[in-house]
N, C-alpha and C. Protein backbone atom coordinates (compact mmCIF):
# COMPACT_ATOMS: atom_id res chain seq x y z
N MET A 1 190.74 118.76 -50.90
CA MET A 1 191.52 117.86 -51.92
C MET A 1 192.12 118.37 -53.01
N THR A 2 193.24 118.25 -53.39
CA THR A 2 193.92 118.84 -54.68
C THR A 2 193.21 118.44 -55.77
N ARG A 3 193.43 119.09 -56.82
CA ARG A 3 193.07 118.74 -57.99
C ARG A 3 193.50 117.05 -58.47
N LYS A 4 194.65 117.12 -58.13
CA LYS A 4 195.41 115.71 -58.84
C LYS A 4 194.46 115.05 -58.14
N LYS A 5 194.31 114.77 -56.81
CA LYS A 5 193.89 113.73 -56.03
C LYS A 5 192.21 113.54 -56.68
N ILE A 6 192.11 114.70 -57.00
CA ILE A 6 190.31 114.54 -57.39
C ILE A 6 190.59 113.63 -59.01
N LEU A 7 191.26 114.45 -59.83
CA LEU A 7 191.42 113.48 -60.73
C LEU A 7 191.46 111.85 -60.86
N GLY A 8 192.69 112.00 -59.52
CA GLY A 8 193.04 110.40 -59.29
C GLY A 8 191.88 109.38 -59.36
N SER A 9 191.20 110.01 -57.98
CA SER A 9 189.84 109.50 -57.37
C SER A 9 189.07 109.28 -58.72
N HIS A 10 188.74 109.93 -59.73
CA HIS A 10 187.67 110.08 -60.71
C HIS A 10 188.35 108.84 -61.55
N VAL A 11 189.32 108.85 -62.16
CA VAL A 11 189.84 107.90 -62.87
C VAL A 11 189.91 106.48 -61.73
N LYS A 12 190.49 106.12 -60.76
CA LYS A 12 189.90 105.08 -60.29
C LYS A 12 188.97 104.67 -60.63
N ARG A 13 187.78 105.30 -60.20
CA ARG A 13 186.53 105.12 -60.01
C ARG A 13 186.01 104.42 -61.21
N LEU A 14 186.31 105.41 -62.19
CA LEU A 14 186.51 104.87 -63.05
C LEU A 14 186.86 103.44 -64.09
N LEU A 15 188.01 103.44 -63.56
CA LEU A 15 188.66 101.85 -64.10
C LEU A 15 188.14 100.80 -63.32
N SER A 16 187.76 101.26 -61.77
CA SER A 16 187.68 99.90 -60.96
C SER A 16 185.75 99.33 -61.61
N GLY A 17 184.83 100.69 -61.21
CA GLY A 17 183.40 100.45 -62.56
C GLY A 17 183.58 99.57 -63.35
N VAL A 18 184.41 99.81 -64.62
CA VAL A 18 184.87 99.30 -65.58
C VAL A 18 184.93 97.60 -65.32
N SER A 19 186.12 97.46 -64.85
CA SER A 19 186.70 95.92 -64.43
C SER A 19 185.50 95.45 -63.71
N ASP A 20 184.60 95.77 -62.84
CA ASP A 20 183.78 95.30 -61.90
C ASP A 20 182.37 94.98 -62.98
N HIS A 21 182.05 95.70 -63.98
CA HIS A 21 181.13 95.64 -64.42
C HIS A 21 181.61 94.54 -65.60
N GLY A 22 182.71 94.50 -66.08
CA GLY A 22 183.34 93.68 -67.37
C GLY A 22 183.13 92.34 -66.29
N LYS A 23 184.01 91.90 -64.97
CA LYS A 23 183.97 90.80 -64.45
C LYS A 23 182.90 89.95 -64.18
N ARG A 24 181.65 91.32 -63.85
CA ARG A 24 180.70 90.53 -63.43
C ARG A 24 179.82 89.93 -64.44
N HIS A 25 179.82 90.70 -65.82
CA HIS A 25 179.08 90.09 -67.11
C HIS A 25 179.58 88.67 -67.35
N LEU A 26 181.21 88.86 -67.35
CA LEU A 26 181.90 87.38 -67.90
C LEU A 26 181.90 86.25 -67.38
N THR A 27 181.58 86.30 -65.88
CA THR A 27 181.07 85.39 -64.91
C THR A 27 180.05 84.83 -65.10
N GLU A 28 178.95 85.42 -65.12
CA GLU A 28 177.51 85.32 -65.98
C GLU A 28 177.42 84.81 -67.24
N VAL A 29 178.22 85.17 -67.98
CA VAL A 29 178.82 84.47 -69.39
C VAL A 29 179.35 82.98 -68.95
N GLU A 30 180.21 83.12 -68.06
CA GLU A 30 180.86 81.54 -68.14
C GLU A 30 179.88 80.84 -67.41
N THR A 31 178.81 81.29 -66.57
CA THR A 31 177.78 80.39 -65.65
C THR A 31 176.88 80.21 -66.38
N ASP A 32 176.44 80.91 -67.35
CA ASP A 32 175.49 80.44 -68.12
C ASP A 32 176.06 79.62 -69.54
N LEU A 33 177.16 79.69 -69.77
CA LEU A 33 177.65 78.52 -70.77
C LEU A 33 178.24 77.05 -70.25
N LEU A 34 178.18 77.25 -68.91
CA LEU A 34 178.75 75.65 -68.26
C LEU A 34 177.13 75.32 -67.68
N GLN A 35 176.38 76.14 -67.66
CA GLN A 35 174.99 75.21 -67.47
C GLN A 35 174.26 75.09 -68.71
N THR A 36 174.65 75.60 -69.74
CA THR A 36 173.98 74.90 -71.37
C THR A 36 174.89 73.63 -71.58
N ASN A 37 175.99 73.57 -71.20
CA ASN A 37 176.68 72.31 -71.34
C ASN A 37 176.03 71.39 -70.84
N LEU A 38 176.05 71.88 -69.37
CA LEU A 38 175.51 70.64 -68.65
C LEU A 38 174.13 69.98 -68.83
N LEU A 39 173.34 71.23 -69.74
CA LEU A 39 171.89 70.47 -70.12
C LEU A 39 172.02 69.68 -71.30
N LEU A 40 173.02 70.48 -71.91
CA LEU A 40 173.34 69.52 -73.08
C LEU A 40 173.84 67.78 -73.12
N GLU A 41 174.80 68.03 -72.19
CA GLU A 41 175.21 66.68 -72.03
C GLU A 41 174.23 65.83 -71.36
N GLU A 42 173.37 66.14 -70.49
CA GLU A 42 172.32 65.16 -69.92
C GLU A 42 171.41 65.15 -70.62
N ALA A 43 171.17 65.62 -71.54
CA ALA A 43 169.74 65.62 -72.62
C ALA A 43 169.97 64.58 -72.91
N ILE A 44 171.29 65.01 -73.90
CA ILE A 44 171.69 64.19 -75.01
C ILE A 44 172.36 62.53 -74.15
N ASP A 45 172.48 62.60 -72.99
CA ASP A 45 172.60 61.20 -72.42
C ASP A 45 171.29 59.99 -72.36
N LYS A 46 170.35 61.25 -71.95
CA LYS A 46 168.97 60.60 -71.98
C LYS A 46 168.34 60.12 -73.08
N LEU A 47 168.46 61.19 -74.30
CA LEU A 47 168.07 60.54 -75.63
C LEU A 47 168.71 59.18 -75.80
N THR A 48 170.14 59.24 -76.13
CA THR A 48 171.25 57.81 -76.18
C THR A 48 170.54 56.65 -75.50
N ARG A 49 169.91 57.00 -74.09
CA ARG A 49 169.65 55.84 -73.44
C ARG A 49 168.25 55.31 -73.38
N ASN A 50 167.34 56.74 -73.58
CA ASN A 50 165.91 56.28 -74.40
C ASN A 50 165.73 55.58 -75.74
N PHE A 51 166.62 56.13 -76.67
CA PHE A 51 167.06 55.48 -78.19
C PHE A 51 167.32 54.08 -77.95
N MET A 52 168.37 53.67 -76.92
CA MET A 52 168.85 52.38 -76.99
C MET A 52 167.64 51.48 -76.29
N ALA A 53 167.27 51.89 -75.56
CA ALA A 53 165.94 51.10 -75.13
C ALA A 53 164.85 51.27 -75.78
N ILE A 54 163.93 52.32 -76.90
CA ILE A 54 163.68 51.59 -77.63
C ILE A 54 164.04 50.92 -78.72
N HIS A 55 165.23 50.60 -79.04
CA HIS A 55 166.00 49.28 -80.06
C HIS A 55 165.60 48.32 -79.44
N GLU A 56 166.07 48.31 -78.12
CA GLU A 56 166.16 46.84 -77.45
C GLU A 56 164.68 46.14 -77.37
N ALA A 57 163.55 47.27 -77.18
CA ALA A 57 162.31 46.79 -77.02
C ALA A 57 161.74 46.17 -78.14
N VAL A 58 162.39 47.28 -79.39
CA VAL A 58 161.90 46.35 -80.39
C VAL A 58 162.62 45.08 -81.03
N ASN A 59 163.38 44.79 -80.52
CA ASN A 59 164.21 43.93 -81.01
C ASN A 59 163.46 42.56 -80.20
N ALA A 60 163.66 43.16 -78.66
CA ALA A 60 162.62 41.73 -77.96
C ALA A 60 161.08 41.66 -78.64
N GLN A 61 160.40 42.49 -79.64
CA GLN A 61 159.58 41.80 -80.20
C GLN A 61 159.25 41.61 -81.36
N GLN A 62 160.83 41.41 -81.47
CA GLN A 62 160.60 41.05 -82.95
C GLN A 62 161.02 39.37 -83.31
N ALA A 63 161.07 38.34 -82.43
CA ALA A 63 160.91 37.26 -82.33
C ALA A 63 159.40 36.80 -82.40
N THR A 64 158.91 37.52 -81.89
CA THR A 64 156.71 37.25 -82.15
C THR A 64 156.19 37.71 -83.07
N ILE A 65 156.52 39.10 -83.94
CA ILE A 65 156.62 39.41 -85.16
C ILE A 65 156.77 38.72 -86.45
N SER A 66 158.19 37.54 -85.85
CA SER A 66 158.59 37.08 -86.97
C SER A 66 158.13 35.57 -87.12
N LEU A 67 157.41 35.07 -85.72
CA LEU A 67 156.28 34.28 -85.46
C LEU A 67 154.79 34.56 -86.16
N LEU A 68 154.38 35.29 -86.11
CA LEU A 68 153.28 35.89 -86.57
C LEU A 68 153.13 36.27 -88.22
N LEU A 69 154.12 36.46 -89.13
CA LEU A 69 154.60 36.83 -90.24
C LEU A 69 154.89 35.28 -91.13
N GLU A 70 155.37 34.53 -89.88
CA GLU A 70 155.34 32.95 -90.66
C GLU A 70 154.13 31.96 -90.23
N GLY A 71 152.91 32.80 -89.93
CA GLY A 71 151.56 32.27 -89.62
C GLY A 71 151.65 31.42 -88.44
N GLY A 72 152.65 31.68 -87.78
CA GLY A 72 152.26 31.02 -86.55
C GLY A 72 151.42 31.80 -85.29
N THR A 73 151.28 30.84 -84.02
CA THR A 73 150.24 31.24 -82.97
C THR A 73 151.01 32.02 -82.15
N PRO A 74 151.21 33.27 -81.56
CA PRO A 74 152.06 33.65 -80.34
C PRO A 74 151.16 33.09 -79.20
N THR A 75 152.28 32.28 -78.14
CA THR A 75 151.48 32.06 -76.87
C THR A 75 151.02 32.89 -76.05
N PRO A 76 149.85 32.81 -75.39
CA PRO A 76 149.45 34.03 -74.41
C PRO A 76 150.58 34.64 -73.56
N GLU A 77 151.57 34.08 -73.11
CA GLU A 77 152.56 34.61 -72.51
C GLU A 77 153.40 35.87 -73.66
N GLN A 78 153.83 35.07 -74.79
CA GLN A 78 154.19 36.14 -75.85
C GLN A 78 152.91 37.49 -76.32
N LYS A 79 152.16 37.44 -76.30
CA LYS A 79 151.17 38.13 -76.46
C LYS A 79 151.47 39.19 -75.48
N ALA A 80 151.32 38.92 -73.79
CA ALA A 80 151.08 39.72 -73.01
C ALA A 80 152.49 40.38 -73.52
N GLN A 81 153.62 39.86 -73.55
CA GLN A 81 154.95 40.18 -73.62
C GLN A 81 154.53 41.29 -74.72
N LEU A 82 154.20 41.20 -76.29
CA LEU A 82 153.94 42.04 -77.07
C LEU A 82 153.58 43.25 -76.61
N ALA A 83 152.36 42.90 -75.81
CA ALA A 83 151.68 44.04 -75.36
C ALA A 83 152.24 45.29 -74.30
N ALA A 84 152.91 44.61 -73.56
CA ALA A 84 153.79 45.03 -72.61
C ALA A 84 154.90 45.91 -73.17
N LEU A 85 155.68 45.41 -74.20
CA LEU A 85 156.64 46.13 -74.96
C LEU A 85 156.23 46.91 -75.45
N SER A 86 154.86 47.19 -76.11
CA SER A 86 154.27 48.17 -76.86
C SER A 86 154.49 49.57 -75.91
N ALA A 87 153.92 49.49 -74.49
CA ALA A 87 153.33 50.20 -73.43
C ALA A 87 155.19 51.00 -73.29
N GLU A 88 155.78 50.24 -73.49
CA GLU A 88 157.50 50.48 -72.67
C GLU A 88 158.02 51.43 -73.82
N VAL A 89 157.76 50.94 -75.06
CA VAL A 89 158.32 51.76 -75.89
C VAL A 89 157.52 53.58 -76.19
N GLY A 90 156.55 53.04 -75.88
CA GLY A 90 155.88 54.63 -75.92
C GLY A 90 156.87 55.24 -74.81
N GLY A 91 156.46 54.43 -73.69
CA GLY A 91 156.94 55.21 -72.64
C GLY A 91 158.65 56.07 -72.73
N TYR A 92 159.36 55.15 -73.51
CA TYR A 92 160.79 55.78 -74.04
C TYR A 92 160.84 56.73 -75.12
N VAL A 93 159.86 56.19 -75.88
CA VAL A 93 159.73 57.75 -76.44
C VAL A 93 159.41 58.66 -75.88
N ASN A 94 157.75 59.13 -75.09
CA ASN A 94 157.63 60.15 -74.14
C ASN A 94 158.79 60.50 -73.45
N ALA A 95 159.45 59.97 -72.94
CA ALA A 95 160.75 60.50 -72.15
C ALA A 95 161.88 60.67 -73.25
N ALA A 96 162.29 60.53 -74.07
CA ALA A 96 163.09 61.06 -75.10
C ALA A 96 162.43 62.68 -75.94
N ILE A 97 161.12 62.30 -75.88
CA ILE A 97 160.44 63.75 -76.37
C ILE A 97 160.59 65.09 -74.92
N THR A 98 160.59 64.56 -74.23
CA THR A 98 160.92 65.08 -72.60
C THR A 98 162.06 65.65 -72.40
N SER A 99 162.88 64.87 -72.80
CA SER A 99 164.63 65.18 -73.15
C SER A 99 165.05 66.07 -73.76
N MET A 100 164.16 66.21 -74.38
CA MET A 100 164.73 67.10 -76.11
C MET A 100 163.66 68.64 -75.44
N GLN A 101 163.35 68.88 -74.17
CA GLN A 101 163.06 70.00 -73.88
C GLN A 101 164.41 71.10 -73.77
N PHE A 102 165.16 69.94 -73.78
CA PHE A 102 166.83 71.22 -73.32
C PHE A 102 166.67 72.32 -74.57
N GLN A 103 166.38 71.98 -75.66
CA GLN A 103 166.83 72.75 -76.55
C GLN A 103 165.91 74.11 -76.42
N ASP A 104 164.97 74.05 -75.80
CA ASP A 104 164.44 75.68 -75.49
C ASP A 104 165.11 76.71 -73.92
N MET A 105 165.79 75.33 -73.36
CA MET A 105 166.64 76.39 -72.49
C MET A 105 167.84 76.35 -72.82
N THR A 106 168.63 76.16 -73.75
CA THR A 106 169.77 76.02 -74.06
C THR A 106 169.78 77.47 -74.67
N SER A 107 168.92 77.17 -76.02
CA SER A 107 168.37 78.25 -76.46
C SER A 107 168.38 79.57 -75.71
N GLN A 108 167.47 79.96 -74.68
CA GLN A 108 167.74 80.89 -73.95
C GLN A 108 168.82 81.15 -73.28
N LEU A 109 169.35 80.28 -72.87
CA LEU A 109 171.10 80.67 -72.13
C LEU A 109 171.72 81.27 -73.24
N ILE A 110 171.76 80.79 -74.75
CA ILE A 110 172.05 81.13 -75.25
C ILE A 110 172.38 82.57 -75.70
N ASP A 111 170.91 82.80 -75.94
CA ASP A 111 170.24 84.18 -76.07
C ASP A 111 170.52 85.41 -74.94
N ARG A 112 170.44 85.15 -73.76
CA ARG A 112 170.83 85.85 -72.52
C ARG A 112 172.71 85.89 -72.90
N THR A 113 173.54 84.88 -73.17
CA THR A 113 175.03 85.13 -73.21
C THR A 113 175.15 86.03 -74.17
N LEU A 114 174.26 85.72 -75.46
CA LEU A 114 174.84 87.08 -76.21
C LEU A 114 173.99 88.45 -76.26
N LYS A 115 173.19 88.52 -75.42
CA LYS A 115 172.58 89.56 -74.57
C LYS A 115 173.75 90.27 -73.76
N ARG A 116 174.25 89.36 -73.08
CA ARG A 116 175.58 89.75 -72.15
C ARG A 116 176.62 90.23 -72.70
N VAL A 117 177.10 89.34 -73.83
CA VAL A 117 178.35 90.08 -74.86
C VAL A 117 177.95 91.12 -75.27
N THR A 118 177.13 91.37 -76.03
CA THR A 118 176.74 92.20 -76.88
C THR A 118 176.74 94.12 -75.87
N GLY A 119 176.11 93.68 -74.78
CA GLY A 119 176.04 94.66 -73.23
C GLY A 119 177.30 95.19 -73.10
N LEU A 120 178.12 94.56 -73.06
CA LEU A 120 179.34 94.40 -72.77
C LEU A 120 180.15 95.30 -73.67
N ARG A 121 179.71 94.64 -74.83
CA ARG A 121 180.90 95.40 -76.14
C ARG A 121 180.03 97.19 -76.26
N ASP A 122 178.87 97.48 -76.11
CA ASP A 122 177.92 98.40 -75.71
C ASP A 122 179.04 99.03 -74.69
N PHE A 123 178.96 98.65 -73.45
CA PHE A 123 179.45 99.29 -72.67
C PHE A 123 181.07 99.96 -72.90
N LEU A 124 181.70 99.02 -73.40
CA LEU A 124 182.97 99.30 -73.70
C LEU A 124 182.85 100.32 -74.44
N GLY A 125 181.90 100.25 -75.40
CA GLY A 125 182.01 101.10 -77.02
C GLY A 125 181.96 102.64 -76.29
N THR A 126 180.72 103.01 -75.05
CA THR A 126 180.72 103.97 -74.64
C THR A 126 181.67 104.46 -73.87
N LEU A 127 182.57 103.42 -73.33
CA LEU A 127 183.67 104.21 -72.65
C LEU A 127 184.65 104.80 -73.98
N GLY A 128 184.71 103.91 -74.88
CA GLY A 128 185.73 104.72 -75.80
C GLY A 128 185.20 105.55 -76.47
N ALA A 129 183.92 106.06 -76.73
CA ALA A 129 183.30 107.35 -77.41
C ALA A 129 183.47 108.22 -76.49
N HIS A 130 183.13 108.17 -75.27
CA HIS A 130 183.49 108.94 -74.23
C HIS A 130 185.01 109.47 -74.20
N GLY A 131 185.78 108.59 -74.35
CA GLY A 131 187.39 108.41 -74.03
C GLY A 131 187.97 109.42 -75.25
N ALA A 132 187.20 109.50 -76.59
CA ALA A 132 187.41 110.19 -77.23
C ALA A 132 187.15 111.50 -77.33
N GLU A 133 186.47 112.12 -76.81
CA GLU A 133 186.16 113.64 -76.21
C GLU A 133 187.12 114.37 -75.28
N MET A 134 187.83 113.54 -74.98
CA MET A 134 188.96 114.12 -73.86
C MET A 134 190.33 114.23 -74.89
N VAL A 135 190.58 115.36 -74.81
CA VAL A 135 191.91 115.77 -75.88
C VAL A 135 193.25 116.23 -74.85
N ALA A 136 194.29 116.28 -75.03
CA ALA A 136 195.46 116.44 -74.59
C ALA A 136 195.64 117.76 -73.37
N GLU A 137 194.71 118.72 -74.26
CA GLU A 137 194.86 120.07 -73.50
C GLU A 137 193.77 120.18 -72.56
N SER A 138 193.08 119.07 -72.39
CA SER A 138 192.28 119.36 -71.13
C SER A 138 192.60 119.72 -70.19
N ASP A 139 191.64 120.94 -69.03
CA ASP A 139 192.40 121.04 -68.05
C ASP A 139 192.21 119.88 -67.02
N ASN A 140 191.80 119.87 -65.59
CA ASN A 140 191.50 119.15 -64.73
C ASN A 140 189.86 118.86 -64.66
N GLU A 141 189.44 120.27 -64.40
CA GLU A 141 187.84 120.06 -64.36
C GLU A 141 187.28 119.51 -65.42
N GLU A 142 188.19 119.72 -66.39
CA GLU A 142 187.19 119.17 -67.87
C GLU A 142 187.21 117.92 -68.10
N ILE A 143 188.68 117.01 -67.44
CA ILE A 143 188.69 115.87 -67.37
C ILE A 143 187.57 115.28 -66.38
N VAL A 144 187.98 115.85 -65.01
CA VAL A 144 186.99 115.55 -63.93
C VAL A 144 185.19 115.69 -64.19
N ALA A 145 184.75 116.19 -65.06
CA ALA A 145 183.77 116.53 -66.09
C ALA A 145 183.45 115.53 -66.64
N LEU A 146 184.20 115.57 -67.51
CA LEU A 146 184.11 113.94 -68.45
C LEU A 146 184.02 112.69 -68.04
N LEU A 147 185.18 112.22 -66.92
CA LEU A 147 184.92 110.93 -65.90
C LEU A 147 183.53 111.35 -65.38
N GLY A 148 183.08 112.02 -64.56
CA GLY A 148 181.68 111.87 -64.16
C GLY A 148 180.62 111.50 -65.20
N LYS A 149 180.57 112.15 -66.35
CA LYS A 149 179.84 111.95 -67.34
C LYS A 149 180.07 110.35 -67.58
N VAL A 150 180.89 110.00 -67.87
CA VAL A 150 181.39 108.53 -68.60
C VAL A 150 181.16 107.89 -67.51
N SER A 151 181.54 107.65 -66.16
CA SER A 151 180.80 106.71 -64.98
C SER A 151 179.14 106.71 -64.70
N MET A 152 178.66 107.81 -64.97
CA MET A 152 177.26 108.09 -64.89
C MET A 152 176.47 107.17 -66.01
N ALA A 153 176.92 107.89 -67.63
CA ALA A 153 176.45 106.53 -68.53
C ALA A 153 176.66 105.21 -68.62
N LEU A 154 177.88 104.67 -67.90
CA LEU A 154 177.90 103.09 -67.64
C LEU A 154 177.66 102.80 -66.62
N ALA A 155 177.32 103.53 -65.43
CA ALA A 155 176.40 102.98 -64.57
C ALA A 155 174.79 102.91 -64.95
N ILE A 156 174.49 104.13 -65.83
CA ILE A 156 172.84 103.31 -66.32
C ILE A 156 173.09 102.27 -66.96
N GLN A 157 174.37 102.04 -67.87
CA GLN A 157 174.16 100.86 -68.82
C GLN A 157 173.98 99.88 -68.55
N SER A 158 174.88 99.78 -67.71
CA SER A 158 175.04 98.54 -66.57
C SER A 158 173.88 98.30 -65.72
N LEU A 159 173.25 98.84 -65.15
CA LEU A 159 171.41 98.57 -64.79
C LEU A 159 170.64 98.35 -65.80
N GLU A 160 170.57 98.99 -66.77
CA GLU A 160 169.87 98.62 -67.81
C GLU A 160 169.90 97.14 -68.59
N LEU A 161 171.18 97.10 -68.87
CA LEU A 161 171.37 95.44 -69.02
C LEU A 161 171.07 94.39 -67.61
N ARG A 162 171.18 94.69 -66.72
CA ARG A 162 171.42 93.87 -65.64
C ARG A 162 169.64 93.67 -65.43
N SER A 163 168.74 94.86 -65.38
CA SER A 163 167.58 94.41 -65.56
C SER A 163 166.81 94.00 -66.75
N VAL A 164 168.00 93.76 -67.54
CA VAL A 164 166.94 93.47 -69.15
C VAL A 164 167.29 91.36 -68.86
N LEU A 165 168.48 90.96 -68.29
CA LEU A 165 168.97 90.09 -68.02
C LEU A 165 168.24 89.08 -66.76
N ARG A 166 167.21 88.67 -66.92
CA ARG A 166 166.97 88.41 -65.70
C ARG A 166 167.08 86.76 -65.11
N LYS A 167 167.34 86.18 -64.55
CA LYS A 167 167.64 84.82 -64.00
C LYS A 167 166.59 83.79 -64.25
N ALA A 168 166.13 83.62 -65.37
CA ALA A 168 164.60 83.19 -65.92
C ALA A 168 165.05 81.76 -65.98
N VAL A 169 165.86 81.32 -66.58
CA VAL A 169 166.54 79.63 -66.63
C VAL A 169 167.15 78.96 -65.45
N SER A 170 166.53 78.36 -64.85
CA SER A 170 167.34 78.24 -63.16
C SER A 170 167.02 76.39 -63.44
N GLN A 171 166.39 75.58 -63.99
CA GLN A 171 166.62 74.60 -63.91
C GLN A 171 167.54 73.75 -64.59
N LYS A 172 168.63 72.75 -63.64
CA LYS A 172 169.66 71.99 -63.96
C LYS A 172 169.20 70.57 -64.42
N HIS A 173 168.39 70.00 -64.43
CA HIS A 173 168.38 69.07 -64.26
C HIS A 173 166.68 68.39 -64.86
N LEU A 174 166.52 67.73 -66.22
CA LEU A 174 165.54 67.94 -66.91
C LEU A 174 164.59 66.55 -66.51
N GLU A 175 164.93 65.62 -65.61
CA GLU A 175 164.04 64.45 -64.87
C GLU A 175 163.58 65.67 -63.42
N SER A 176 163.46 66.93 -63.46
CA SER A 176 163.14 67.54 -62.14
C SER A 176 161.64 67.62 -62.75
N GLY A 177 161.02 67.62 -63.44
CA GLY A 177 159.42 68.01 -63.69
C GLY A 177 158.74 69.01 -64.58
N ASP A 178 157.96 69.73 -64.11
CA ASP A 178 157.87 70.45 -65.20
C ASP A 178 159.22 71.68 -65.06
N ILE A 179 159.47 72.74 -66.69
CA ILE A 179 160.31 73.05 -66.67
C ILE A 179 159.85 74.89 -66.99
N GLU A 180 160.07 75.38 -66.01
CA GLU A 180 159.11 76.87 -66.26
C GLU A 180 160.61 77.76 -67.11
N LEU A 181 160.21 78.00 -68.19
CA LEU A 181 161.13 78.76 -69.41
C LEU A 181 160.99 80.14 -68.93
N PHE A 182 159.97 81.25 -68.84
CA PHE A 182 160.02 82.50 -68.76
C PHE A 182 159.24 82.93 -67.33
């Protein structure tokens, strides 16, 4: 193989590696952001529904409470309804609190996304730093050696970043029960 073909092969491999690495991490960033958005939308919808249900239950209790404040005696049905509404409000409050677990998961997704962006920035910084070592007067062997060194450094960085960014957050719907965060 001629020197020109060897050099072209190394440049092609390096550029393909940079492109593949960048696309892979940007796809993961996009996935994390979409999942974060889904969690936020679902949690906000659930919180809204639960708070509206609490409001309705409190309003339903108001007639009986007003009667009591005026010195009246509630009927057995009103007493039973008051007790039932109290338990109902407790259920809505618990559901609202459960819905707030989205903060833990979205925080993890945002943290992972930031690590990906930082890793990609470092990856491109490595490429730039090694690229600065190349001088116009370099012969083919020096260029091939430098490209090999850059490719190896980028491959190691990519593997290290992937090992740090495990897929720990996988739940997409809050009503699915227990949420495993780590």
